[in-house]
Amino acid sequence: MKRPFGVYVIALMMVLNGLAVGLSVLLEEEFELDRSLNPAQTLNFSIGFPSIVIAFALLMLWRWAWVTTMLLTGLNLATGLYLYVDGNPNYLSMAINIFIVFYLNQREVQRAFD
């Protein structure tokens, strides 16, 4: 089956999101090696690499990748809201996750993963 355009967009967004959430912890001004990270930052950092692996699985049109992407995106959005309320928003990650949800729910993308 030919991949819909939305699958390419989602895969690209997953890679960008993986980089955004992973690097946001490292680039934060208050980050120090001897200080422990708050739970949301730890979660963001641990989601970064799997997002890149899942992007590859999306290009293979594996069903588990669609489900995992939806779960990770929900987790990323919840983490983004927590960080927003905590005073450390990551707007780039939040915007990317909204685009991912939009494309995941398109009919042609859902059909590709059936």
N, C-alpha and C. Protein backbone atom coordinates (compact mmCIF):
# COMPACT_ATOMS: atom_id res chain seq x y z
N MET A 1 0.84 -1.19 0.00
CA MET A 1 0.00 0.00 0.00
C MET A 1 0.88 1.25 0.00
N LYS A 2 0.46 2.20 -0.77
CA LYS A 2 1.19 3.47 -0.84
C LYS A 2 0.93 4.28 0.43
N ARG A 3 1.98 4.89 0.95
CA ARG A 3 1.84 5.70 2.15
C ARG A 3 1.15 7.02 1.83
N PRO A 4 0.15 7.39 2.62
CA PRO A 4 -0.45 8.72 2.45
C PRO A 4 0.53 9.81 2.89
N PHE A 5 0.32 11.00 2.37
CA PHE A 5 1.16 12.14 2.73
C PHE A 5 1.19 12.35 4.23
N GLY A 6 0.07 12.13 4.91
CA GLY A 6 -0.01 12.34 6.35
C GLY A 6 0.96 11.48 7.13
N VAL A 7 1.26 10.28 6.64
CA VAL A 7 2.20 9.40 7.33
C VAL A 7 3.60 10.01 7.32
N TYR A 8 3.98 10.60 6.20
CA TYR A 8 5.28 11.28 6.12
C TYR A 8 5.33 12.47 7.08
N VAL A 9 4.22 13.20 7.14
CA VAL A 9 4.16 14.36 8.04
C VAL A 9 4.27 13.90 9.49
N ILE A 10 3.55 12.83 9.85
CA ILE A 10 3.59 12.34 11.22
C ILE A 10 5.01 11.87 11.57
N ALA A 11 5.63 11.13 10.67
CA ALA A 11 6.99 10.64 10.93
C ALA A 11 7.96 11.80 11.13
N LEU A 12 7.86 12.81 10.28
CA LEU A 12 8.71 13.98 10.43
C LEU A 12 8.44 14.69 11.76
N MET A 13 7.17 14.83 12.09
CA MET A 13 6.80 15.49 13.35
C MET A 13 7.29 14.68 14.56
N MET A 14 7.25 13.35 14.47
CA MET A 14 7.75 12.53 15.57
C MET A 14 9.25 12.73 15.77
N VAL A 15 9.99 12.82 14.67
CA VAL A 15 11.43 13.08 14.78
C VAL A 15 11.66 14.46 15.38
N LEU A 16 10.94 15.46 14.88
CA LEU A 16 11.09 16.81 15.42
C LEU A 16 10.70 16.86 16.89
N ASN A 17 9.62 16.16 17.23
CA ASN A 17 9.17 16.16 18.61
C ASN A 17 10.18 15.45 19.51
N GLY A 18 10.73 14.35 19.02
CA GLY A 18 11.76 13.66 19.79
C GLY A 18 12.95 14.55 20.07
N LEU A 19 13.35 15.31 19.07
CA LEU A 19 14.46 16.25 19.25
C LEU A 19 14.06 17.41 20.17
N ALA A 20 12.83 17.91 20.00
CA ALA A 20 12.38 19.05 20.79
C ALA A 20 12.28 18.70 22.26
N VAL A 21 11.67 17.56 22.58
CA VAL A 21 11.51 17.22 24.00
C VAL A 21 12.81 16.74 24.61
N GLY A 22 13.62 16.05 23.83
CA GLY A 22 14.90 15.59 24.37
C GLY A 22 15.88 16.72 24.60
N LEU A 23 15.96 17.61 23.65
CA LEU A 23 16.92 18.72 23.75
C LEU A 23 16.44 19.84 24.67
N SER A 24 15.12 19.94 24.88
CA SER A 24 14.62 21.02 25.74
C SER A 24 15.16 20.89 27.15
N VAL A 25 15.34 19.65 27.60
CA VAL A 25 15.88 19.44 28.94
C VAL A 25 17.34 19.88 28.99
N LEU A 26 18.09 19.54 27.95
CA LEU A 26 19.51 19.87 27.94
C LEU A 26 19.77 21.36 27.71
N LEU A 27 18.88 22.02 26.99
CA LEU A 27 19.10 23.42 26.67
C LEU A 27 18.49 24.39 27.68
N GLU A 28 17.79 23.84 28.66
CA GLU A 28 17.15 24.70 29.65
C GLU A 28 18.20 25.47 30.44
N GLU A 29 17.94 26.73 30.69
CA GLU A 29 18.92 27.59 31.36
C GLU A 29 19.25 27.12 32.77
N GLU A 30 18.28 26.59 33.48
CA GLU A 30 18.50 26.23 34.87
C GLU A 30 19.06 24.83 35.04
N PHE A 31 19.28 24.12 33.94
CA PHE A 31 19.74 22.73 34.03
C PHE A 31 21.18 22.68 34.51
N GLU A 32 21.40 21.90 35.55
CA GLU A 32 22.75 21.68 36.06
C GLU A 32 22.92 20.19 36.26
N LEU A 33 24.11 19.69 36.02
CA LEU A 33 24.36 18.26 36.12
C LEU A 33 24.18 17.72 37.54
N ASP A 34 24.45 18.52 38.54
CA ASP A 34 24.35 18.02 39.91
C ASP A 34 22.94 18.15 40.48
N ARG A 35 22.04 18.76 39.76
CA ARG A 35 20.67 18.95 40.23
C ARG A 35 19.77 17.91 39.59
N SER A 36 18.85 17.37 40.34
CA SER A 36 17.94 16.38 39.77
C SER A 36 16.85 17.08 38.96
N LEU A 37 16.36 16.37 37.94
CA LEU A 37 15.32 16.90 37.07
C LEU A 37 13.96 16.67 37.71
N ASN A 38 13.01 17.55 37.40
CA ASN A 38 11.65 17.29 37.88
C ASN A 38 11.05 16.15 37.04
N PRO A 39 9.98 15.53 37.51
CA PRO A 39 9.44 14.35 36.82
C PRO A 39 9.06 14.61 35.37
N ALA A 40 8.52 15.77 35.06
CA ALA A 40 8.12 16.06 33.68
C ALA A 40 9.34 16.15 32.78
N GLN A 41 10.43 16.73 33.27
CA GLN A 41 11.64 16.83 32.46
C GLN A 41 12.24 15.44 32.22
N THR A 42 12.21 14.60 33.23
CA THR A 42 12.72 13.23 33.07
C THR A 42 11.89 12.48 32.05
N LEU A 43 10.57 12.63 32.12
CA LEU A 43 9.68 11.98 31.16
C LEU A 43 9.94 12.50 29.75
N ASN A 44 10.08 13.80 29.59
CA ASN A 44 10.39 14.37 28.28
C ASN A 44 11.67 13.79 27.71
N PHE A 45 12.69 13.71 28.52
CA PHE A 45 13.98 13.22 28.07
C PHE A 45 13.90 11.75 27.65
N SER A 46 13.12 10.96 28.39
CA SER A 46 13.02 9.54 28.08
C SER A 46 12.11 9.26 26.90
N ILE A 47 11.28 10.20 26.48
CA ILE A 47 10.40 10.03 25.33
C ILE A 47 11.11 10.40 24.03
N GLY A 48 12.14 11.19 24.10
CA GLY A 48 12.82 11.69 22.90
C GLY A 48 13.30 10.61 21.95
N PHE A 49 14.09 9.67 22.43
CA PHE A 49 14.64 8.64 21.55
C PHE A 49 13.57 7.68 21.02
N PRO A 50 12.67 7.17 21.85
CA PRO A 50 11.63 6.29 21.30
C PRO A 50 10.79 6.95 20.21
N SER A 51 10.60 8.25 20.28
CA SER A 51 9.84 8.94 19.25
C SER A 51 10.50 8.80 17.88
N ILE A 52 11.80 8.82 17.85
CA ILE A 52 12.54 8.69 16.59
C ILE A 52 12.42 7.26 16.06
N VAL A 53 12.48 6.27 16.95
CA VAL A 53 12.32 4.87 16.55
C VAL A 53 10.91 4.62 16.02
N ILE A 54 9.93 5.19 16.68
CA ILE A 54 8.53 5.01 16.27
C ILE A 54 8.29 5.68 14.92
N ALA A 55 8.97 6.77 14.63
CA ALA A 55 8.83 7.43 13.33
C ALA A 55 9.20 6.47 12.20
N PHE A 56 10.25 5.69 12.41
CA PHE A 56 10.64 4.69 11.41
C PHE A 56 9.54 3.63 11.26
N ALA A 57 8.99 3.17 12.38
CA ALA A 57 7.92 2.17 12.34
C ALA A 57 6.67 2.71 11.64
N LEU A 58 6.42 4.00 11.78
CA LEU A 58 5.28 4.61 11.07
C LEU A 58 5.47 4.52 9.56
N LEU A 59 6.69 4.75 9.12
CA LEU A 59 6.97 4.66 7.68
C LEU A 59 6.80 3.23 7.17
N MET A 60 6.94 2.24 8.04
CA MET A 60 6.72 0.84 7.67
C MET A 60 5.24 0.47 7.71
N LEU A 61 4.41 1.41 8.17
CA LEU A 61 2.95 1.23 8.30
C LEU A 61 2.59 0.10 9.26
N TRP A 62 3.34 -0.03 10.33
CA TRP A 62 3.03 -1.03 11.34
C TRP A 62 1.95 -0.48 12.26
N ARG A 63 0.91 -1.26 12.51
CA ARG A 63 -0.24 -0.83 13.29
C ARG A 63 0.16 -0.40 14.71
N TRP A 64 1.06 -1.14 15.33
CA TRP A 64 1.46 -0.81 16.69
C TRP A 64 2.08 0.59 16.75
N ALA A 65 2.69 1.02 15.66
CA ALA A 65 3.31 2.35 15.63
C ALA A 65 2.25 3.44 15.71
N TRP A 66 1.10 3.23 15.04
CA TRP A 66 0.02 4.21 15.10
C TRP A 66 -0.51 4.32 16.52
N VAL A 67 -0.74 3.17 17.15
CA VAL A 67 -1.27 3.15 18.52
C VAL A 67 -0.26 3.78 19.48
N THR A 68 0.99 3.41 19.35
CA THR A 68 2.03 3.95 20.22
C THR A 68 2.19 5.46 20.02
N THR A 69 2.09 5.89 18.78
CA THR A 69 2.19 7.32 18.50
C THR A 69 1.06 8.08 19.18
N MET A 70 -0.15 7.53 19.11
CA MET A 70 -1.29 8.18 19.75
C MET A 70 -1.08 8.24 21.27
N LEU A 71 -0.60 7.15 21.85
CA LEU A 71 -0.36 7.13 23.30
C LEU A 71 0.75 8.10 23.70
N LEU A 72 1.85 8.09 22.96
CA LEU A 72 2.95 9.01 23.26
C LEU A 72 2.55 10.46 23.08
N THR A 73 1.74 10.72 22.07
CA THR A 73 1.30 12.09 21.82
C THR A 73 0.41 12.57 22.97
N GLY A 74 -0.48 11.70 23.43
CA GLY A 74 -1.30 12.06 24.59
C GLY A 74 -0.45 12.32 25.82
N LEU A 75 0.55 11.47 26.03
CA LEU A 75 1.47 11.64 27.16
C LEU A 75 2.28 12.93 27.01
N ASN A 76 2.72 13.22 25.79
CA ASN A 76 3.46 14.47 25.55
C ASN A 76 2.60 15.69 25.79
N LEU A 77 1.34 15.63 25.37
CA LEU A 77 0.44 16.77 25.59
C LEU A 77 0.17 16.97 27.08
N ALA A 78 -0.03 15.87 27.80
CA ALA A 78 -0.24 15.97 29.25
C ALA A 78 1.00 16.54 29.93
N THR A 79 2.17 16.09 29.52
CA THR A 79 3.41 16.61 30.08
C THR A 79 3.58 18.09 29.73
N GLY A 80 3.22 18.44 28.49
CA GLY A 80 3.30 19.84 28.08
C GLY A 80 2.39 20.73 28.91
N LEU A 81 1.20 20.24 29.22
CA LEU A 81 0.29 21.02 30.07
C LEU A 81 0.85 21.16 31.49
N TYR A 82 1.44 20.08 31.99
CA TYR A 82 2.06 20.14 33.32
C TYR A 82 3.19 21.17 33.34
N LEU A 83 4.04 21.12 32.32
CA LEU A 83 5.15 22.08 32.26
C LEU A 83 4.65 23.51 32.08
N TYR A 84 3.55 23.68 31.35
CA TYR A 84 2.96 25.01 31.16
C TYR A 84 2.48 25.57 32.50
N VAL A 85 1.77 24.74 33.27
CA VAL A 85 1.27 25.17 34.57
C VAL A 85 2.43 25.39 35.54
N ASP A 86 3.49 24.59 35.40
CA ASP A 86 4.66 24.69 36.26
C ASP A 86 5.52 25.93 35.93
N GLY A 87 5.25 26.55 34.79
CA GLY A 87 5.99 27.75 34.42
C GLY A 87 7.14 27.51 33.47
N ASN A 88 7.27 26.29 32.92
CA ASN A 88 8.33 25.95 31.97
C ASN A 88 7.73 25.41 30.68
N PRO A 89 6.95 26.22 29.97
CA PRO A 89 6.27 25.67 28.78
C PRO A 89 7.23 25.36 27.64
N ASN A 90 6.86 24.33 26.89
CA ASN A 90 7.59 23.97 25.68
C ASN A 90 6.60 24.09 24.52
N TYR A 91 6.45 25.29 24.00
CA TYR A 91 5.44 25.57 22.99
C TYR A 91 5.67 24.78 21.69
N LEU A 92 6.92 24.60 21.33
CA LEU A 92 7.23 23.87 20.10
C LEU A 92 6.72 22.44 20.19
N SER A 93 7.00 21.77 21.28
CA SER A 93 6.54 20.40 21.47
C SER A 93 5.02 20.32 21.48
N MET A 94 4.38 21.26 22.15
CA MET A 94 2.91 21.26 22.20
C MET A 94 2.31 21.44 20.81
N ALA A 95 2.87 22.33 20.02
CA ALA A 95 2.36 22.56 18.66
C ALA A 95 2.58 21.33 17.78
N ILE A 96 3.74 20.71 17.89
CA ILE A 96 4.02 19.52 17.10
C ILE A 96 3.04 18.41 17.46
N ASN A 97 2.76 18.24 18.74
CA ASN A 97 1.83 17.19 19.16
C ASN A 97 0.42 17.44 18.66
N ILE A 98 0.01 18.67 18.58
CA ILE A 98 -1.32 18.98 18.03
C ILE A 98 -1.38 18.59 16.55
N PHE A 99 -0.33 18.88 15.80
CA PHE A 99 -0.29 18.48 14.39
C PHE A 99 -0.30 16.96 14.25
N ILE A 100 0.42 16.26 15.13
CA ILE A 100 0.46 14.80 15.06
C ILE A 100 -0.94 14.23 15.27
N VAL A 101 -1.65 14.73 16.27
CA VAL A 101 -3.02 14.24 16.53
C VAL A 101 -3.91 14.52 15.32
N PHE A 102 -3.77 15.69 14.73
CA PHE A 102 -4.57 16.04 13.55
C PHE A 102 -4.33 15.04 12.43
N TYR A 103 -3.09 14.76 12.11
CA TYR A 103 -2.78 13.85 11.02
C TYR A 103 -3.09 12.39 11.36
N LEU A 104 -2.92 11.99 12.61
CA LEU A 104 -3.25 10.61 12.99
C LEU A 104 -4.73 10.30 12.80
N ASN A 105 -5.56 11.30 12.93
CA ASN A 105 -7.00 11.09 12.83
C ASN A 105 -7.57 11.30 11.44
N GLN A 106 -6.74 11.57 10.47
CA GLN A 106 -7.23 11.67 9.10
C GLN A 106 -7.63 10.28 8.60
N ARG A 107 -8.70 10.24 7.85
CA ARG A 107 -9.25 8.96 7.37
C ARG A 107 -8.23 8.16 6.54
N GLU A 108 -7.53 8.82 5.64
CA GLU A 108 -6.57 8.09 4.79
C GLU A 108 -5.41 7.51 5.60
N VAL A 109 -5.00 8.22 6.65
CA VAL A 109 -3.92 7.71 7.50
C VAL A 109 -4.43 6.51 8.31
N GLN A 110 -5.61 6.60 8.85
CA GLN A 110 -6.17 5.49 9.61
C GLN A 110 -6.35 4.25 8.73
N ARG A 111 -6.77 4.45 7.49
CA ARG A 111 -6.92 3.32 6.57
C ARG A 111 -5.58 2.66 6.26
N ALA A 112 -4.54 3.45 6.19
CA ALA A 112 -3.21 2.89 5.88
C ALA A 112 -2.74 1.96 6.98
N PHE A 113 -3.19 2.16 8.22
CA PHE A 113 -2.74 1.35 9.34
C PHE A 113 -3.72 0.24 9.69
N ASP A 114 -4.79 0.08 8.95
CA ASP A 114 -5.75 -1.02 9.22
C ASP A 114 -5.22 -2.34 8.78
